[in-house]
C-alpha atoms as a PDB file:
ATOM      1  CA  UNK A   1      60.003  20.935  54.808  1.00  0.00           C
ATOM      2  CA  UNK A   2      57.673  23.704  55.843  1.00  0.00           C
ATOM      3  CA  UNK A   3      53.960  22.949  56.393  1.00  0.00           C
ATOM      4  CA  UNK A   4      53.155  24.728  53.143  1.00  0.00           C
ATOM      5  CA  UNK A   5      55.678  22.640  51.211  1.00  0.00           C
ATOM      6  CA  UNK A   6      54.292  19.449  52.734  1.00  0.00           C
ATOM      7  CA  UNK A   7      50.765  20.445  51.705  1.00  0.00           C
ATOM      8  CA  UNK A   8      51.934  21.183  48.165  1.00  0.00           C
ATOM      9  CA  UNK A   9      53.779  17.871  47.989  1.00  0.00           C
ATOM     10  CA  UNK A  10      50.738  15.990  49.273  1.00  0.00           C
ATOM     11  CA  UNK A  11      48.524  17.724  46.711  1.00  0.00           C
ATOM     12  CA  UNK A  12      50.960  16.935  43.901  1.00  0.00           C
ATOM     13  CA  UNK A  13      51.164  13.258  44.883  1.00  0.00           C
ATOM     14  CA  UNK A  14      47.366  13.034  45.099  1.00  0.00           C
ATOM     15  CA  UNK A  15      46.947  14.635  41.672  1.00  0.00           C
ATOM     16  CA  UNK A  16      49.510  12.303  40.120  1.00  0.00           C
ATOM     17  CA  UNK A  17      47.837   9.286  41.695  1.00  0.00           C
ATOM     18  CA  UNK A  18      44.419  10.335  40.437  1.00  0.00           C
ATOM     19  CA  UNK A  19      45.920  10.975  36.995  1.00  0.00           C
ATOM     20  CA  UNK A  20      47.270   7.431  36.984  1.00  0.00           C
ATOM     21  CA  UNK A  21      43.916   5.990  37.955  1.00  0.00           C
ATOM     22  CA  UNK A  22      42.073   8.037  35.347  1.00  0.00           C
ATOM     23  CA  UNK A  23      44.526   6.769  32.720  1.00  0.00           C
ATOM     24  CA  UNK A  24      43.941   3.209  33.944  1.00  0.00           C
ATOM     25  CA  UNK A  25      40.177   3.571  33.678  1.00  0.00           C
ATOM     26  CA  UNK A  26      40.526   5.050  30.170  1.00  0.00           C
ATOM     27  CA  UNK A  27      42.680   2.075  29.190  1.00  0.00           C
ATOM     28  CA  UNK A  28      40.072  -0.327  30.562  1.00  0.00           C
ATOM     29  CA  UNK A  29      37.387   1.631  28.765  1.00  0.00           C
ATOM     30  CA  UNK A  30      39.136   1.150  25.434  1.00  0.00           C
ATOM     31  CA  UNK A  31      40.398  -2.412  25.820  1.00  0.00           C
ATOM     32  CA  UNK A  32      37.784  -4.345  27.782  1.00  0.00           C
ATOM     33  CA  UNK A  33      34.468  -5.235  26.199  1.00  0.00           C
ATOM     34  CA  UNK A  34      32.681  -5.859  29.526  1.00  0.00           C
ATOM     35  CA  UNK A  35      33.891  -2.673  31.201  1.00  0.00           C
ATOM     36  CA  UNK A  36      30.889  -0.688  32.559  1.00  0.00           C
ATOM     37  CA  UNK A  37      28.457  -3.501  31.711  1.00  0.00           C
ATOM     38  CA  UNK A  38      25.890  -2.213  34.234  1.00  0.00           C
ATOM     39  CA  UNK A  39      26.064   1.295  32.787  1.00  0.00           C
ATOM     40  CA  UNK A  40      24.906  -0.014  29.408  1.00  0.00           C
ATOM     41  CA  UNK A  41      21.405  -0.234  30.912  1.00  0.00           C
ATOM     42  CA  UNK A  42      21.382   3.561  31.351  1.00  0.00           C
ATOM     43  CA  UNK A  43      22.617   4.326  27.840  1.00  0.00           C
ATOM     44  CA  UNK A  44      19.910   3.557  25.292  1.00  0.00           C
ATOM     45  CA  UNK A  45      16.328   2.593  26.005  1.00  0.00           C
ATOM     46  CA  UNK A  46      13.893   0.675  23.843  1.00  0.00           C
ATOM     47  CA  UNK A  47      10.667   2.165  25.171  1.00  0.00           C
ATOM     48  CA  UNK A  48       8.622  -0.300  23.137  1.00  0.00           C
ATOM     49  CA  UNK A  49      10.167  -3.162  25.151  1.00  0.00           C
ATOM     50  CA  UNK A  50      11.608  -1.381  28.176  1.00  0.00           C
ATOM     51  CA  UNK A  51      11.098  -4.243  30.630  1.00  0.00           C
ATOM     52  CA  UNK A  52      11.360  -7.144  28.182  1.00  0.00           C
ATOM     53  CA  UNK A  53      14.743  -8.126  29.644  1.00  0.00           C
ATOM     54  CA  UNK A  54      13.751  -7.066  33.135  1.00  0.00           C
ATOM     55  CA  UNK A  55      15.017 -10.099  35.016  1.00  0.00           C
ATOM     56  CA  UNK A  56      17.193  -9.246  37.984  1.00  0.00           C
ATOM     57  CA  UNK A  57      20.737 -10.445  37.402  1.00  0.00           C
ATOM     58  CA  UNK A  58      20.208 -10.670  33.649  1.00  0.00           C
ATOM     59  CA  UNK A  59      22.332  -8.859  31.101  1.00  0.00           C
ATOM     60  CA  UNK A  60      20.987  -5.444  30.098  1.00  0.00           C
ATOM     61  CA  UNK A  61      18.060  -5.834  32.497  1.00  0.00           C
ATOM     62  CA  UNK A  62      16.365  -2.494  33.151  1.00  0.00           C
ATOM     63  CA  UNK A  63      14.549  -2.556  36.497  1.00  0.00           C
ATOM     64  CA  UNK A  64      14.112   1.104  37.443  1.00  0.00           C
ATOM     65  CA  UNK A  65      11.168   3.441  37.047  1.00  0.00           C
ATOM     66  CA  UNK A  66      10.079   4.747  33.631  1.00  0.00           C
ATOM     67  CA  UNK A  67      10.898   8.263  34.836  1.00  0.00           C
ATOM     68  CA  UNK A  68      14.597   7.432  35.145  1.00  0.00           C
ATOM     69  CA  UNK A  69      14.651   6.055  31.595  1.00  0.00           C
ATOM     70  CA  UNK A  70      12.820   9.084  30.225  1.00  0.00           C
ATOM     71  CA  UNK A  71      15.206  11.498  31.940  1.00  0.00           C
ATOM     72  CA  UNK A  72      18.301   9.663  30.705  1.00  0.00           C
ATOM     73  CA  UNK A  73      17.047   8.971  27.193  1.00  0.00           C
ATOM     74  CA  UNK A  74      18.823  12.025  25.657  1.00  0.00           C
ATOM     75  CA  UNK A  75      22.214  10.502  26.528  1.00  0.00           C
ATOM     76  CA  UNK A  76      21.453   7.726  24.055  1.00  0.00           C
ATOM     77  CA  UNK A  77      22.594  10.006  21.243  1.00  0.00           C
ATOM     78  CA  UNK A  78      26.168   9.593  22.476  1.00  0.00           C
ATOM     79  CA  UNK A  79      28.341   6.762  21.158  1.00  0.00           C
ATOM     80  CA  UNK A  80      28.719   3.962  23.713  1.00  0.00           C
ATOM     81  CA  UNK A  81      32.439   4.682  24.180  1.00  0.00           C
ATOM     82  CA  UNK A  82      31.655   8.310  25.040  1.00  0.00           C
ATOM     83  CA  UNK A  83      28.842   7.417  27.404  1.00  0.00           C
ATOM     84  CA  UNK A  84      30.738   4.819  29.416  1.00  0.00           C
ATOM     85  CA  UNK A  85      33.749   7.112  29.610  1.00  0.00           C
ATOM     86  CA  UNK A  86      31.615   9.946  30.976  1.00  0.00           C
ATOM     87  CA  UNK A  87      29.786   7.595  33.349  1.00  0.00           C
ATOM     88  CA  UNK A  88      33.033   6.230  34.803  1.00  0.00           C
ATOM     89  CA  UNK A  89      34.324   9.798  35.169  1.00  0.00           C
ATOM     90  CA  UNK A  90      31.110  10.706  37.022  1.00  0.00           C
ATOM     91  CA  UNK A  91      31.521   7.789  39.425  1.00  0.00           C
ATOM     92  CA  UNK A  92      35.168   8.676  40.026  1.00  0.00           C
ATOM     93  CA  UNK A  93      34.231  12.310  40.693  1.00  0.00           C
ATOM     94  CA  UNK A  94      31.479  11.270  43.125  1.00  0.00           C
ATOM     95  CA  UNK A  95      33.918   8.952  44.908  1.00  0.00           C
ATOM     96  CA  UNK A  96      36.482  11.761  45.241  1.00  0.00           C
ATOM     97  CA  UNK A  97      33.782  14.108  46.558  1.00  0.00           C
ATOM     98  CA  UNK A  98      32.371  11.640  49.075  1.00  0.00           C
ATOM     99  CA  UNK A  99      35.610  10.171  50.408  1.00  0.00           C
ATOM    100  CA  UNK A 100      38.028  12.971  49.613  1.00  0.00           C
ATOM    101  CA  UNK A 101      40.808  12.639  47.019  1.00  0.00           C
ATOM    102  CA  UNK A 102      43.289  10.829  49.267  1.00  0.00           C
ATOM    103  CA  UNK A 103      40.900   8.343  50.856  1.00  0.00           C
ATOM    104  CA  UNK A 104      39.335   7.792  47.445  1.00  0.00           C
ATOM    105  CA  UNK A 105      42.714   6.749  46.058  1.00  0.00           C
ATOM    106  CA  UNK A 106      43.212   4.331  48.949  1.00  0.00           C
ATOM    107  CA  UNK A 107      39.822   2.747  48.300  1.00  0.00           C
ATOM    108  CA  UNK A 108      40.735   2.245  44.644  1.00  0.00           C
ATOM    109  CA  UNK A 109      44.077   0.605  45.479  1.00  0.00           C
ATOM    110  CA  UNK A 110      42.321  -2.723  46.031  1.00  0.00           C
ATOM    111  CA  UNK A 111      41.201  -4.023  42.621  1.00  0.00           C
ATOM    112  CA  UNK A 112      38.810  -6.600  44.079  1.00  0.00           C
ATOM    113  CA  UNK A 113      37.118  -4.229  46.519  1.00  0.00           C
ATOM    114  CA  UNK A 114      33.443  -3.203  46.272  1.00  0.00           C
ATOM    115  CA  UNK A 115      34.483   0.359  45.393  1.00  0.00           C
ATOM    116  CA  UNK A 116      36.704  -0.747  42.515  1.00  0.00           C
ATOM    117  CA  UNK A 117      33.988  -3.123  41.335  1.00  0.00           C
ATOM    118  CA  UNK A 118      31.439  -0.298  41.452  1.00  0.00           C
ATOM    119  CA  UNK A 119      33.622   1.902  39.250  1.00  0.00           C
ATOM    120  CA  UNK A 120      34.290  -0.964  36.846  1.00  0.00           C
ATOM    121  CA  UNK A 121      30.666  -2.047  36.455  1.00  0.00           C
ATOM    122  CA  UNK A 122      29.110   1.412  36.583  1.00  0.00           C
ATOM    123  CA  UNK A 123      26.207   0.773  38.925  1.00  0.00           C
ATOM    124  CA  UNK A 124      24.350   3.443  40.940  1.00  0.00           C
ATOM    125  CA  UNK A 125      25.496   2.777  44.507  1.00  0.00           C
ATOM    126  CA  UNK A 126      27.866   5.749  44.792  1.00  0.00           C
ATOM    127  CA  UNK A 127      25.196   8.033  43.311  1.00  0.00           C
ATOM    128  CA  UNK A 128      22.639   6.725  45.805  1.00  0.00           C
ATOM    129  CA  UNK A 129      25.083   7.520  48.610  1.00  0.00           C
ATOM    130  CA  UNK A 130      25.596  11.013  47.208  1.00  0.00           C
ATOM    131  CA  UNK A 131      21.824  11.577  47.017  1.00  0.00           C
ATOM    132  CA  UNK A 132      21.411  10.483  50.642  1.00  0.00           C
ATOM    133  CA  UNK A 133      24.178  12.834  51.792  1.00  0.00           C
ATOM    134  CA  UNK A 134      22.980  15.777  49.708  1.00  0.00           C
ATOM    135  CA  UNK A 135      19.438  15.001  50.858  1.00  0.00           C
ATOM    136  CA  UNK A 136      20.130  16.418  54.312  1.00  0.00           C
ATOM    137  CA  UNK A 137      20.437  19.848  52.723  1.00  0.00           C
ATOM    138  CA  UNK A 138      18.353  19.335  49.588  1.00  0.00           C
ATOM    139  CA  UNK A 139      15.683  16.694  50.326  1.00  0.00           C
ATOM    140  CA  UNK A 140      14.642  16.770  46.660  1.00  0.00           C
ATOM    141  CA  UNK A 141      17.711  14.603  45.955  1.00  0.00           C
ATOM    142  CA  UNK A 142      15.856  11.636  47.456  1.00  0.00           C
ATOM    143  CA  UNK A 143      13.822  11.455  44.242  1.00  0.00           C
ATOM    144  CA  UNK A 144      16.849   9.814  42.621  1.00  0.00           C
ATOM    145  CA  UNK A 145      16.843   6.941  45.108  1.00  0.00           C
ATOM    146  CA  UNK A 146      13.071   6.504  45.032  1.00  0.00           C
ATOM    147  CA  UNK A 147      12.919   6.411  41.228  1.00  0.00           C
ATOM    148  CA  UNK A 148      15.776   3.936  40.838  1.00  0.00           C
ATOM    149  CA  UNK A 149      16.171   1.236  43.501  1.00  0.00           C
ATOM    150  CA  UNK A 150      13.138   2.457  45.515  1.00  0.00           C
ATOM    151  CA  UNK A 151      13.730   0.631  48.824  1.00  0.00           C
ATOM    152  CA  UNK A 152      16.628   2.880  49.979  1.00  0.00           C
ATOM    153  CA  UNK A 153      13.837   5.421  50.405  1.00  0.00           C
ATOM    154  CA  UNK A 154      13.474   3.975  53.911  1.00  0.00           C
ATOM    155  CA  UNK A 155      15.986   6.680  54.808  1.00  0.00           C
ATOM    156  CA  UNK A 156      13.131   9.209  54.640  1.00  0.00           C
ATOM    157  CA  UNK A 157      12.066   7.941  58.050  1.00  0.00           C
ATOM    158  CA  UNK A 158      14.767  10.294  59.338  1.00  0.00           C
ATOM    159  CA  UNK A 159      12.643  13.315  58.474  1.00  0.00           C
ATOM    160  CA  UNK A 160       9.449  11.728  59.811  1.00  0.00           C
ATOM    161  CA  UNK A 161      10.951  10.794  63.186  1.00  0.00           C
ATOM    162  CA  UNK A 162      12.520  14.221  63.594  1.00  0.00           C
ATOM    163  CA  UNK A 163       9.297  15.904  62.431  1.00  0.00           C
ATOM    164  CA  UNK A 164      11.068  17.717  59.631  1.00  0.00           C
ATOM    165  CA  UNK A 165       7.843  17.808  57.657  1.00  0.00           C
ATOM    166  CA  UNK A 166       8.961  20.369  55.108  1.00  0.00           C
ATOM    167  CA  UNK A 167      11.958  18.259  54.146  1.00  0.00           C
ATOM    168  CA  UNK A 168       9.806  15.139  53.928  1.00  0.00           C
ATOM    169  CA  UNK A 169       7.227  16.971  51.830  1.00  0.00           C
ATOM    170  CA  UNK A 170       9.917  18.205  49.438  1.00  0.00           C
ATOM    171  CA  UNK A 171      11.366  14.716  48.985  1.00  0.00           C
ATOM    172  CA  UNK A 172       8.001  13.049  48.430  1.00  0.00           C
ATOM    173  CA  UNK A 173       6.527  15.954  46.478  1.00  0.00           C
ATOM    174  CA  UNK A 174       9.337  16.208  43.938  1.00  0.00           C
ATOM    175  CA  UNK A 175       9.285  12.444  43.455  1.00  0.00           C
ATOM    176  CA  UNK A 176       5.518  12.495  42.974  1.00  0.00           C
ATOM    177  CA  UNK A 177       5.698  15.398  40.516  1.00  0.00           C
ATOM    178  CA  UNK A 178       8.327  13.663  38.360  1.00  0.00           C
ATOM    179  CA  UNK A 179       6.347  10.422  38.512  1.00  0.00           C
ATOM    180  CA  UNK A 180       3.108  12.168  37.533  1.00  0.00           C
ATOM    181  CA  UNK A 181       4.646  13.792  34.467  1.00  0.00           C
ATOM    182  CA  UNK A 182       6.214  10.472  33.497  1.00  0.00           C
ATOM    183  CA  UNK A 183       2.899   8.655  33.960  1.00  0.00           C
ATOM    184  CA  UNK A 184       1.056  11.181  31.805  1.00  0.00           C
ATOM    185  CA  UNK A 185       3.624  10.726  29.036  1.00  0.00           C
ATOM    186  CA  UNK A 186       3.619   6.906  29.106  1.00  0.00           C
ATOM    187  CA  UNK A 187       1.173   5.352  31.614  1.00  0.00           C
ATOM    188  CA  UNK A 188       1.637   1.830  30.216  1.00  0.00           C
ATOM    189  CA  UNK A 189       5.309   1.841  31.231  1.00  0.00           C
ATOM    190  CA  UNK A 190       4.362   2.270  34.884  1.00  0.00           C
ATOM    191  CA  UNK A 191       2.095  -0.771  34.759  1.00  0.00           C
ATOM    192  CA  UNK A 192       4.865  -2.734  33.058  1.00  0.00           C
ATOM    193  CA  UNK A 193       7.311  -1.645  35.760  1.00  0.00           C
ATOM    194  CA  UNK A 194       4.952  -2.770  38.524  1.00  0.00           C
ATOM    195  CA  UNK A 195       4.593  -6.136  36.780  1.00  0.00           C
ATOM    196  CA  UNK A 196       8.375  -6.383  36.420  1.00  0.00           C
ATOM    197  CA  UNK A 197       8.877  -5.761  40.153  1.00  0.00           C
ATOM    198  CA  UNK A 198       6.291  -8.411  40.960  1.00  0.00           C
ATOM    199  CA  UNK A 199       7.922 -10.972  38.650  1.00  0.00           C
ATOM    200  CA  UNK A 200      11.373 -10.335  40.113  1.00  0.00           C
ATOM    201  CA  UNK A 201      10.323 -10.644  43.743  1.00  0.00           C
ATOM    202  CA  UNK A 202      10.952 -14.397  43.702  1.00  0.00           C
ATOM    203  CA  UNK A 203      14.113 -14.517  41.587  1.00  0.00           C
ATOM    204  CA  UNK A 204      16.974 -16.246  43.382  1.00  0.00           C
ATOM    205  CA  UNK A 205      20.430 -14.663  43.166  1.00  0.00           C
ATOM    206  CA  UNK A 206      23.580 -16.788  43.650  1.00  0.00           C
ATOM    207  CA  UNK A 207      25.015 -16.094  47.103  1.00  0.00           C
ATOM    208  CA  UNK A 208      28.516 -15.500  45.696  1.00  0.00           C
ATOM    209  CA  UNK A 209      27.173 -12.464  43.806  1.00  0.00           C
ATOM    210  CA  UNK A 210      25.828 -10.812  46.953  1.00  0.00           C
ATOM    211  CA  UNK A 211      27.480  -8.839  49.723  1.00  0.00           C
ATOM    212  CA  UNK A 212      24.772  -9.846  52.205  1.00  0.00           C
ATOM    213  CA  UNK A 213      22.336 -12.742  51.836  1.00  0.00           C
ATOM    214  CA  UNK A 214      19.596 -11.770  54.297  1.00  0.00           C
ATOM    215  CA  UNK A 215      16.101 -11.555  52.767  1.00  0.00           C
ATOM    216  CA  UNK A 216      14.775  -8.146  51.791  1.00  0.00           C
ATOM    217  CA  UNK A 217      11.999  -8.079  54.407  1.00  0.00           C
ATOM    218  CA  UNK A 218      14.538  -8.637  57.189  1.00  0.00           C
ATOM    219  CA  UNK A 219      16.943  -6.040  55.845  1.00  0.00           C
ATOM    220  CA  UNK A 220      14.152  -3.487  55.401  1.00  0.00           C
ATOM    221  CA  UNK A 221      12.984  -3.969  58.979  1.00  0.00           C
ATOM    222  CA  UNK A 222      16.511  -3.642  60.318  1.00  0.00           C
ATOM    223  CA  UNK A 223      17.143  -0.577  58.150  1.00  0.00           C
ATOM    224  CA  UNK A 224      13.994   1.098  59.481  1.00  0.00           C
ATOM    225  CA  UNK A 225      15.035   0.445  63.087  1.00  0.00           C
ATOM    226  CA  UNK A 226      18.515   1.833  62.414  1.00  0.00           C
ATOM    227  CA  UNK A 227      17.139   5.034  60.865  1.00  0.00           C
ATOM    228  CA  UNK A 228      14.678   5.545  63.708  1.00  0.00           C
ATOM    229  CA  UNK A 229      17.388   5.057  66.337  1.00  0.00           C
ATOM    230  CA  UNK A 230      19.743   7.326  64.429  1.00  0.00           C
ATOM    231  CA  UNK A 231      17.118  10.044  64.063  1.00  0.00           C
ATOM    232  CA  UNK A 232      16.454  10.008  67.798  1.00  0.00           C
ATOM    233  CA  UNK A 233      20.181  10.281  68.556  1.00  0.00           C
ATOM    234  CA  UNK A 234      21.105  12.649  65.723  1.00  0.00           C
ATOM    235  CA  UNK A 235      23.358  10.120  63.937  1.00  0.00           C
ATOM    236  CA  UNK A 236      23.045  10.932  60.255  1.00  0.00           C
ATOM    237  CA  UNK A 237      25.415   8.140  59.239  1.00  0.00           C
ATOM    238  CA  UNK A 238      22.654   5.672  60.086  1.00  0.00           C
ATOM    239  CA  UNK A 239      20.733   6.856  57.018  1.00  0.00           C
ATOM    240  CA  UNK A 240      23.569   5.682  54.749  1.00  0.00           C
ATOM    241  CA  UNK A 241      23.753   2.341  56.553  1.00  0.00           C
ATOM    242  CA  UNK A 242      19.998   1.933  56.160  1.00  0.00           C
ATOM    243  CA  UNK A 243      20.176   2.697  52.436  1.00  0.00           C
ATOM    244  CA  UNK A 244      22.754  -0.064  52.042  1.00  0.00           C
ATOM    245  CA  UNK A 245      20.757  -2.617  54.016  1.00  0.00           C
ATOM    246  CA  UNK A 246      17.543  -1.760  52.155  1.00  0.00           C
ATOM    247  CA  UNK A 247      18.923  -2.269  48.650  1.00  0.00           C
ATOM    248  CA  UNK A 248      16.640  -4.651  46.753  1.00  0.00           C
ATOM    249  CA  UNK A 249      19.666  -6.710  45.680  1.00  0.00           C
ATOM    250  CA  UNK A 250      22.899  -6.033  47.622  1.00  0.00           C
ATOM    251  CA  UNK A 251      25.374  -6.956  44.897  1.00  0.00           C
ATOM    252  CA  UNK A 252      29.076  -7.363  45.689  1.00  0.00           C
ATOM    253  CA  UNK A 253      29.669  -3.711  44.792  1.00  0.00           C
ATOM    254  CA  UNK A 254      26.838  -2.495  47.061  1.00  0.00           C
ATOM    255  CA  UNK A 255      29.034  -1.760  50.148  1.00  0.00           C
ATOM    256  CA  UNK A 256      30.573   1.069  48.116  1.00  0.00           C
ATOM    257  CA  UNK A 257      27.431   2.958  49.151  1.00  0.00           C
ATOM    258  CA  UNK A 258      28.866   3.125  52.674  1.00  0.00           C
ATOM    259  CA  UNK A 259      31.439   5.642  51.409  1.00  0.00           C
ATOM    260  CA  UNK A 260      28.681   8.139  52.145  1.00  0.00           C
ATOM    261  CA  UNK A 261      29.533   7.759  55.849  1.00  0.00           C
ATOM    262  CA  UNK A 262      32.978   9.204  55.123  1.00  0.00           C
ATOM    263  CA  UNK A 263      31.330  12.209  53.484  1.00  0.00           C
ATOM    264  CA  UNK A 264      29.283  12.861  56.620  1.00  0.00           C
ATOM    265  CA  UNK A 265      32.332  12.543  58.840  1.00  0.00           C
ATOM    266  CA  UNK A 266      34.192  14.953  56.557  1.00  0.00           C
ATOM    267  CA  UNK A 267      31.612  17.595  57.422  1.00  0.00           C
ATOM    268  CA  UNK A 268      29.759  18.133  54.160  1.00  0.00           C
ATOM    269  CA  UNK A 269      27.218  20.858  55.058  1.00  0.00           C
ATOM    270  CA  UNK A 270      23.762  19.817  56.158  1.00  0.00           C
ATOM    271  CA  UNK A 271      20.467  21.491  55.417  1.00  0.00           C
ATOM    272  CA  UNK A 272      21.110  24.318  57.873  1.00  0.00           C
ATOM    273  CA  UNK A 273      24.672  25.001  56.790  1.00  0.00           C
ATOM    274  CA  UNK A 274      26.306  23.468  59.848  1.00  0.00           C
ATOM    275  CA  UNK A 275      28.710  20.565  59.713  1.00  0.00           C
ATOM    276  CA  UNK A 276      26.892  17.277  59.177  1.00  0.00           C
ATOM    277  CA  UNK A 277      26.729  15.239  62.359  1.00  0.00           C
ATOM    278  CA  UNK A 278      29.716  16.900  64.053  1.00  0.00           C
ATOM    279  CA  UNK A 279      29.048  15.154  67.354  1.00  0.00           C
ATOM    280  CA  UNK A 280      26.947  12.081  66.712  1.00  0.00           C
ATOM    281  CA  UNK A 281      29.051  10.014  64.310  1.00  0.00           C
ATOM    282  CA  UNK A 282      32.466  11.139  65.550  1.00  0.00           C
ATOM    283  CA  UNK A 283      31.580  10.628  69.213  1.00  0.00           C
ATOM    284  CA  UNK A 284      30.136   7.209  68.441  1.00  0.00           C
ATOM    285  CA  UNK A 285      33.308   6.143  66.620  1.00  0.00           C
ATOM    286  CA  UNK A 286      35.529   7.494  69.400  1.00  0.00           C
ATOM    287  CA  UNK A 287      33.535   5.668  72.066  1.00  0.00           C
ATOM    288  CA  UNK A 288      33.938   2.403  70.149  1.00  0.00           C
ATOM    289  CA  UNK A 289      37.664   3.045  69.676  1.00  0.00           C
END
């Protein structure tokens, strides 16, 4: 076969494989009641009792900022079947974009893997990874991470260490602007959110539900050190690692966030239009190999 024929064959096989997976997810969507159980939290919001069920690990527990709920509220007009179908399609598309179609298929081949679990439950880890990757070119994307799980915002140390003050100002400024508008609309929700975070700080999560059992303070400190070291060496992949370590609760599906490293190695453009980390991450991996 000629190189062109091999490329066409590879593309056809990849498309067929993705078609099979999409069909499988649609089948799960229709036939399994618990499919996308985490995504239900992002579907419809009871703003009168937004944090009433806000216990970490609880069913339908909303733990993110009021701004996220206010921005996603319009999607509540969709039927649940439509919403969870669109949400799973979004996660699959983000996975294909971050990892590439072929690697994405490989990651989905293992039903019990964190990536497969992330797609099945519909959490935000892949979207957090995408925001961190996009954030090198569009720092405003960090608002998503800061207004959802908050602590992955430790990745902003990258801009501070490298004295990229404009990028840092954009990330913090956009987040502050969204938060201010949200606070003006419903200030009581922000006080309720702060109280919810305080109440959940001491909740114990079963170890078998977690991907890493270290306490948050230890993981945050380690994440900060990793970002600082990475910023000094120009290793952008360290930001993704730090986001994973800094998650408030690293559920079993949380390592799916590390798919963002693949995106950086694939050369998704950075803020200046050059390949992301063309030397740092690749050279580091080669030296370890």
